[in-house]
């Protein structure tokens, strides 16, 4: 899934070489803003051409495509041999990951731009003490109908909904029995997974377009009044605020043990201390950075609206490599097995790696 796991911290396992080569590309003909997911040697993503695609990771050949009927900006969640993804006409689809056939669809009231997330409810004794109910997998997705929807992964039936005060643009993050998301109502919502009831809401000062990352009891996210925030979830208040110049933050952060990395519409990739938000370094691109960075080992990979994909050193922010696509790169990278896959507004998805030795 996009951002690597339910807490959306944007950290990938393994390592990347200091220089990357283009291994393959695949054209859909329309912008690819969906951030890909890699699973079982396949790449899954959506396109503005109205399709969801599965490609073979080895060579970029199409395994299947699924006609969603509307542009797909949402990022896919691949779980238990199904692909869960939203569309611009408000549908959440479950698609068989092997065949590309629809399993079910669930309708929300407006478009879905953020990727779905997931959690399990614990099974246990039922009313008959000799029978145990199995764990149940549930899918969470936000919609422009102002609601967070919780849906049964197997059947596609609604379990609960939570209504916020405005559009939900990003993906809901999940950790420690709760989900946390920001909305265009300028609030950080903290919701119990058990019943969909609000635990807390925290004023963010402006609308939150990106996804929140959760780490060590804190939420990290940017907002549109030019601030990047860290919120202590237990206290329900801001722990620190980073402000540089008067540009909004749309990019979702990547969070390690001691650092937070995020892009800005100031054309910079920022790295700050996780503890207090003080700046460690910033790296200048030539366009706004709405793409969400991924940290892999000692490197950071990110796209920019200047039409390039960048690899920079996590330690000091020095550029290691870049590749010019030529059109804005608003999609966020997926990193696995020493390879980077990312979409672009030119309608193609690109795979970079070390290449043949």
Protein backbone atom coordinates (compact mmCIF):
# COMPACT_ATOMS: atom_id res chain seq x y z
CA UNK A 1 0.00 0.00 0.00
CA UNK A 2 1.00 3.61 -0.44
CA UNK A 3 3.14 4.90 2.47
CA UNK A 4 4.15 1.31 3.30
CA UNK A 5 1.69 0.29 6.03
CA UNK A 6 -1.36 1.34 8.07
CA UNK A 7 0.51 4.04 10.07
CA UNK A 8 1.51 5.71 6.75
CA UNK A 9 5.10 6.47 7.81
CA UNK A 10 6.53 6.22 4.28
CA UNK A 11 9.51 4.00 5.09
CA UNK A 12 10.50 1.11 2.78
CA UNK A 13 12.60 -1.91 3.67
CA UNK A 14 15.92 -2.73 2.04
CA UNK A 15 18.30 -0.37 0.26
CA UNK A 16 18.59 1.57 -2.98
CA UNK A 17 21.69 1.94 -5.16
CA UNK A 18 23.21 5.46 -5.32
CA UNK A 19 22.29 5.71 -9.02
CA UNK A 20 19.17 4.35 -10.73
CA UNK A 21 18.49 3.31 -14.30
CA UNK A 22 15.14 3.35 -16.11
CA UNK A 23 14.16 -0.32 -16.38
CA UNK A 24 10.78 0.11 -18.06
CA UNK A 25 7.80 2.44 -18.50
CA UNK A 26 4.13 1.85 -19.29
CA UNK A 27 1.81 4.42 -20.87
CA UNK A 28 -1.87 4.81 -19.97
CA UNK A 29 -2.35 7.98 -22.05
CA UNK A 30 -3.75 10.05 -19.16
CA UNK A 31 -2.09 11.45 -15.99
CA UNK A 32 -1.10 8.94 -13.32
CA UNK A 33 -1.55 10.65 -9.93
CA UNK A 34 -2.31 7.37 -8.13
CA UNK A 35 0.66 6.20 -6.08
CA UNK A 36 1.45 2.58 -6.94
CA UNK A 37 1.50 -0.45 -4.64
CA UNK A 38 3.83 -3.41 -5.15
CA UNK A 39 2.80 -6.93 -4.12
CA UNK A 40 3.48 -10.48 -5.35
CA UNK A 41 5.82 -9.29 -8.13
CA UNK A 42 3.15 -6.98 -9.54
CA UNK A 43 2.60 -3.21 -9.58
CA UNK A 44 -0.94 -1.90 -9.06
CA UNK A 45 -2.11 1.68 -9.75
CA UNK A 46 -4.93 3.79 -11.13
CA UNK A 47 -4.99 6.30 -14.00
CA UNK A 48 -7.05 9.30 -15.09
CA UNK A 49 -7.99 7.17 -18.12
CA UNK A 50 -10.54 5.41 -15.84
CA UNK A 51 -8.66 2.15 -15.39
CA UNK A 52 -6.88 0.27 -12.63
CA UNK A 53 -3.79 -1.58 -13.85
CA UNK A 54 -1.72 -4.54 -12.74
CA UNK A 55 1.72 -4.80 -14.36
CA UNK A 56 4.43 -7.41 -14.01
CA UNK A 57 7.19 -5.92 -11.86
CA UNK A 58 9.91 -7.67 -13.88
CA UNK A 59 9.21 -6.06 -17.25
CA UNK A 60 6.21 -3.71 -16.99
CA UNK A 61 3.97 -5.91 -19.14
CA UNK A 62 0.24 -5.58 -18.44
CA UNK A 63 -1.25 -8.44 -16.43
CA UNK A 64 -4.75 -6.95 -16.49
CA UNK A 65 -6.72 -3.71 -16.46
CA UNK A 66 -10.04 -3.00 -14.76
CA UNK A 67 -12.46 -0.37 -16.08
CA UNK A 68 -13.56 1.74 -13.11
CA UNK A 69 -15.72 4.03 -15.24
CA UNK A 70 -14.16 7.26 -13.93
CA UNK A 71 -10.65 8.65 -13.31
CA UNK A 72 -8.75 6.87 -10.53
CA UNK A 73 -6.49 9.12 -8.43
CA UNK A 74 -6.78 6.98 -5.29
CA UNK A 75 -3.83 4.75 -4.41
CA UNK A 76 -4.48 1.01 -4.16
CA UNK A 77 -4.41 -1.18 -1.07
CA UNK A 78 -3.42 -4.76 -1.93
CA UNK A 79 -4.46 -7.18 0.81
CA UNK A 80 -5.39 -10.88 0.92
CA UNK A 81 -5.33 -11.23 -2.89
CA UNK A 82 -7.63 -8.26 -3.44
CA UNK A 83 -7.01 -4.72 -4.64
CA UNK A 84 -9.06 -2.03 -2.87
CA UNK A 85 -9.18 1.34 -4.65
CA UNK A 86 -11.46 4.37 -4.98
CA UNK A 87 -12.63 6.31 -8.03
CA UNK A 88 -13.62 9.87 -8.87
CA UNK A 89 -17.29 8.89 -9.06
CA UNK A 90 -17.33 7.83 -5.40
CA UNK A 91 -16.99 4.06 -5.73
CA UNK A 92 -14.73 1.86 -3.63
CA UNK A 93 -13.85 -1.30 -5.55
CA UNK A 94 -12.57 -4.67 -4.40
CA UNK A 95 -10.82 -6.34 -7.35
CA UNK A 96 -9.31 -9.82 -7.53
CA UNK A 97 -5.54 -9.19 -7.60
CA UNK A 98 -4.88 -12.23 -9.77
CA UNK A 99 -7.52 -11.79 -12.46
CA UNK A 100 -8.66 -8.15 -12.34
CA UNK A 101 -12.30 -9.18 -11.87
CA UNK A 102 -14.57 -7.11 -9.63
CA UNK A 103 -15.41 -8.75 -6.29
CA UNK A 104 -17.67 -5.98 -5.00
CA UNK A 105 -18.19 -2.23 -5.08
CA UNK A 106 -19.33 0.19 -2.39
CA UNK A 107 -20.78 3.61 -3.17
CA UNK A 108 -19.97 6.77 -1.22
CA UNK A 109 -21.60 10.12 -1.90
CA UNK A 110 -18.68 11.82 -3.66
CA UNK A 111 -15.24 11.24 -5.16
CA UNK A 112 -12.54 9.22 -3.40
CA UNK A 113 -9.02 10.62 -3.89
CA UNK A 114 -7.19 9.10 -0.91
CA UNK A 115 -6.11 5.48 -0.70
CA UNK A 116 -7.95 2.96 1.51
CA UNK A 117 -6.45 1.60 4.73
CA UNK A 118 -7.21 -1.53 6.76
CA UNK A 119 -7.36 -3.11 10.21
CA UNK A 120 -8.55 -6.30 11.86
CA UNK A 121 -11.09 -6.64 14.66
CA UNK A 122 -10.13 -9.42 17.08
CA UNK A 123 -12.22 -12.57 17.02
CA UNK A 124 -13.18 -14.46 20.16
CA UNK A 125 -15.93 -16.43 21.86
CA UNK A 126 -19.41 -16.00 20.40
CA UNK A 127 -22.73 -16.47 22.18
CA UNK A 128 -22.01 -20.19 21.87
CA UNK A 129 -18.91 -20.66 24.05
CA UNK A 130 -17.67 -23.54 21.90
CA UNK A 131 -17.53 -21.41 18.77
CA UNK A 132 -15.01 -18.64 18.20
CA UNK A 133 -15.72 -15.85 15.74
CA UNK A 134 -12.84 -15.27 13.30
CA UNK A 135 -10.88 -12.05 12.99
CA UNK A 136 -12.65 -9.62 10.68
CA UNK A 137 -10.79 -7.43 8.20
CA UNK A 138 -12.22 -3.95 7.70
CA UNK A 139 -11.40 -1.28 5.11
CA UNK A 140 -11.35 2.48 5.83
CA UNK A 141 -11.65 5.13 3.14
CA UNK A 142 -12.38 8.87 3.17
CA UNK A 143 -14.61 10.59 0.63
CA UNK A 144 -15.54 14.07 -0.55
CA UNK A 145 -18.99 13.34 0.93
CA UNK A 146 -17.31 14.49 4.22
CA UNK A 147 -17.44 10.93 5.60
CA UNK A 148 -14.99 8.27 6.66
CA UNK A 149 -16.42 4.90 5.63
CA UNK A 150 -15.66 1.60 7.37
CA UNK A 151 -16.48 -1.36 5.11
CA UNK A 152 -16.26 -5.12 5.55
CA UNK A 153 -13.36 -6.34 3.38
CA UNK A 154 -15.06 -9.59 2.46
CA UNK A 155 -18.59 -8.44 1.66
CA UNK A 156 -18.28 -4.72 0.91
CA UNK A 157 -21.05 -3.94 3.41
CA UNK A 158 -20.94 -0.78 5.54
CA UNK A 159 -19.90 -1.26 9.17
CA UNK A 160 -19.92 2.36 10.33
CA UNK A 161 -19.44 5.89 8.98
CA UNK A 162 -18.04 8.98 10.67
CA UNK A 163 -19.02 12.41 9.39
CA UNK A 164 -16.53 15.28 9.41
CA UNK A 165 -17.16 18.90 8.45
CA UNK A 166 -15.67 18.96 4.94
CA UNK A 167 -13.88 16.98 2.23
CA UNK A 168 -11.55 14.13 3.23
CA UNK A 169 -8.73 14.21 0.69
CA UNK A 170 -5.98 12.03 2.20
CA UNK A 171 -5.83 8.47 3.51
CA UNK A 172 -6.77 7.70 7.13
CA UNK A 173 -3.78 6.55 9.20
CA UNK A 174 -4.17 3.66 11.66
CA UNK A 175 -2.28 2.83 14.87
CA UNK A 176 -3.04 1.68 18.43
CA UNK A 177 -6.76 1.07 17.99
CA UNK A 178 -7.57 4.40 16.39
CA UNK A 179 -7.60 6.09 13.03
CA UNK A 180 -6.40 9.65 12.53
CA UNK A 181 -7.03 11.88 9.52
CA UNK A 182 -7.13 15.53 8.59
CA UNK A 183 -9.79 17.17 6.51
CA UNK A 184 -10.69 20.35 4.70
CA UNK A 185 -12.53 21.34 7.91
CA UNK A 186 -9.07 22.26 9.37
CA UNK A 187 -9.38 19.62 12.09
CA UNK A 188 -7.36 16.55 12.97
CA UNK A 189 -9.88 13.80 13.74
CA UNK A 190 -9.00 10.99 16.15
CA UNK A 191 -11.52 8.13 15.86
CA UNK A 192 -11.91 4.84 17.72
CA UNK A 193 -11.73 1.88 15.35
CA UNK A 194 -14.06 -0.15 17.56
CA UNK A 195 -17.18 1.93 16.92
CA UNK A 196 -16.26 4.87 14.69
CA UNK A 197 -16.82 7.36 17.51
CA UNK A 198 -14.67 10.45 17.93
CA UNK A 199 -12.05 10.36 20.67
CA UNK A 200 -10.57 13.80 20.01
CA UNK A 201 -10.41 16.58 17.49
CA UNK A 202 -7.51 19.00 17.32
CA UNK A 203 -7.51 22.40 15.64
CA UNK A 204 -5.02 22.41 12.78
CA UNK A 205 -5.40 26.06 11.75
CA UNK A 206 -6.04 25.32 8.06
CA UNK A 207 -7.25 22.52 5.86
CA UNK A 208 -5.24 19.34 5.64
CA UNK A 209 -5.01 17.91 2.13
CA UNK A 210 -2.40 15.21 2.63
CA UNK A 211 -2.31 12.07 4.76
CA UNK A 212 -1.17 11.98 8.38
CA UNK A 213 1.75 9.79 9.53
CA UNK A 214 1.51 8.18 12.99
CA UNK A 215 4.59 7.36 15.07
CA UNK A 216 5.17 6.96 18.82
CA UNK A 217 1.82 8.45 19.84
CA UNK A 218 2.19 11.51 17.63
CA UNK A 219 0.63 12.62 14.33
CA UNK A 220 2.70 14.42 11.69
CA UNK A 221 1.13 16.39 8.82
CA UNK A 222 1.19 19.61 6.82
CA UNK A 223 -1.60 22.11 6.24
CA UNK A 224 -2.49 24.90 3.82
CA UNK A 225 -1.62 27.89 6.00
CA UNK A 226 2.06 27.12 5.48
CA UNK A 227 2.70 25.07 8.63
CA UNK A 228 3.81 21.51 9.26
CA UNK A 229 2.54 20.19 12.60
CA UNK A 230 3.26 17.50 15.15
CA UNK A 231 0.33 16.67 17.46
CA UNK A 232 0.56 14.68 20.68
CA UNK A 233 -2.47 12.39 20.45
CA UNK A 234 -2.68 11.65 24.17
CA UNK A 235 -2.63 15.33 25.10
CA UNK A 236 -4.69 16.35 22.08
CA UNK A 237 -2.50 19.36 21.39
CA UNK A 238 0.36 20.51 19.18
CA UNK A 239 3.82 19.34 20.26
CA UNK A 240 5.64 21.53 17.74
CA UNK A 241 5.13 23.54 14.55
CA UNK A 242 7.51 24.01 11.63
CA UNK A 243 7.13 27.10 9.49
CA UNK A 244 9.57 28.21 6.82
CA UNK A 245 8.08 30.32 4.04
CA UNK A 246 4.52 31.15 3.04
CA UNK A 247 3.76 28.08 0.97
CA UNK A 248 1.26 25.27 1.73
CA UNK A 249 2.12 21.66 2.46
CA UNK A 250 0.29 19.00 0.45
CA UNK A 251 2.90 16.23 0.58
CA UNK A 252 2.54 13.51 3.23
CA UNK A 253 5.58 12.96 5.47
CA UNK A 254 8.01 10.08 5.84
CA UNK A 255 8.95 9.43 9.48
CA UNK A 256 11.95 7.55 10.90
CA UNK A 257 13.23 7.08 14.45
CA UNK A 258 14.60 10.63 14.60
CA UNK A 259 13.63 12.47 11.40
CA UNK A 260 10.59 13.69 9.44
CA UNK A 261 10.87 14.36 5.69
CA UNK A 262 8.18 16.13 3.63
CA UNK A 263 7.76 18.18 0.47
CA UNK A 264 6.36 21.69 0.16
CA UNK A 265 4.90 24.00 -2.43
CA UNK A 266 7.96 26.16 -1.69
CA UNK A 267 9.75 23.74 -4.13
CA UNK A 268 11.72 22.29 -1.22
CA UNK A 269 12.10 18.86 0.32
CA UNK A 270 12.43 19.42 4.08
CA UNK A 271 14.05 17.25 6.74
CA UNK A 272 13.41 18.16 10.39
CA UNK A 273 14.11 16.64 13.78
CA UNK A 274 11.30 14.35 14.90
CA UNK A 275 11.62 15.52 18.50
CA UNK A 276 11.16 19.28 18.09
CA UNK A 277 10.70 20.11 14.37
CA UNK A 278 13.98 22.00 14.02
CA UNK A 279 15.42 21.99 10.51
CA UNK A 280 18.19 19.55 9.60
CA UNK A 281 18.36 20.27 5.86
CA UNK A 282 16.28 21.29 2.86
CA UNK A 283 16.79 20.33 -0.77
CA UNK A 284 15.66 22.64 -3.58
CA UNK A 285 13.84 21.29 -6.64
CA UNK A 286 12.56 23.51 -9.46
CA UNK A 287 8.86 22.94 -8.84
CA UNK A 288 6.39 22.36 -6.03
CA UNK A 289 6.77 19.04 -4.21
CA UNK A 290 3.28 17.54 -3.76
CA UNK A 291 4.72 14.03 -4.14
CA UNK A 292 5.18 12.27 -0.80
CA UNK A 293 8.76 11.13 -0.15
CA UNK A 294 9.73 7.56 0.71
CA UNK A 295 12.74 6.80 2.88
CA UNK A 296 14.66 3.62 2.05
CA UNK A 297 17.75 3.00 4.16
CA UNK A 298 19.97 6.09 3.92
CA UNK A 299 18.18 7.58 0.91
CA UNK A 300 15.01 9.54 0.12
CA UNK A 301 13.14 9.31 -3.19
CA UNK A 302 10.52 11.86 -4.29
CA UNK A 303 8.92 13.42 -7.36
CA UNK A 304 8.50 17.12 -8.16
CA UNK A 305 6.29 19.23 -10.37
CA UNK A 306 9.48 20.26 -12.18
CA UNK A 307 9.12 16.92 -14.00
CA UNK A 308 11.91 15.09 -12.21
CA UNK A 309 12.33 12.18 -9.82
CA UNK A 310 15.03 12.73 -7.19
CA UNK A 311 17.18 10.54 -4.98
CA UNK A 312 18.80 12.43 -2.09
CA UNK A 313 20.89 11.42 0.91
CA UNK A 314 18.88 11.20 4.14
CA UNK A 315 21.89 12.34 6.18
CA UNK A 316 22.57 15.70 4.56
CA UNK A 317 20.05 16.22 1.71
CA UNK A 318 22.65 16.08 -1.06
CA UNK A 319 21.37 15.03 -4.49
CA UNK A 320 22.54 11.56 -5.51
CA UNK A 321 20.58 11.13 -8.74
CA UNK A 322 17.69 12.60 -10.72
CA UNK A 323 15.76 11.64 -13.83
CA UNK A 324 13.87 14.08 -16.05
CA UNK A 325 10.43 12.87 -17.11
CA UNK A 326 9.41 16.30 -18.35
CA UNK A 327 5.91 16.53 -16.91
CA UNK A 328 4.89 17.05 -13.26
CA UNK A 329 5.33 14.09 -10.92
CA UNK A 330 2.53 14.33 -8.35
CA UNK A 331 2.36 10.60 -7.75
CA UNK A 332 4.36 9.26 -4.82
CA UNK A 333 6.97 6.51 -5.20
CA UNK A 334 6.62 2.86 -4.25
CA UNK A 335 9.92 1.22 -3.30
CA UNK A 336 10.55 -2.53 -3.09
CA UNK A 337 13.40 -4.90 -3.89
CA UNK A 338 15.80 -2.09 -4.76
CA UNK A 339 13.39 -0.64 -7.33
CA UNK A 340 11.37 2.58 -7.47
CA UNK A 341 8.00 2.82 -9.29
CA UNK A 342 6.29 6.20 -9.78
CA UNK A 343 3.62 7.74 -12.02
CA UNK A 344 3.63 11.08 -13.82
CA UNK A 345 1.29 13.55 -15.49
CA UNK A 346 2.56 12.44 -18.91
CA UNK A 347 0.33 9.38 -18.50
CA UNK A 348 3.10 6.88 -17.85
CA UNK A 349 4.39 4.92 -14.89
CA UNK A 350 8.13 4.39 -14.56
CA UNK A 351 10.28 1.72 -12.90
CA UNK A 352 13.86 2.48 -11.89
CA UNK A 353 16.47 0.14 -10.49
CA UNK A 354 20.08 -0.93 -10.58
CA UNK A 355 19.88 -2.60 -13.97
CA UNK A 356 21.76 -5.63 -15.24
CA UNK A 357 25.25 -6.25 -13.91
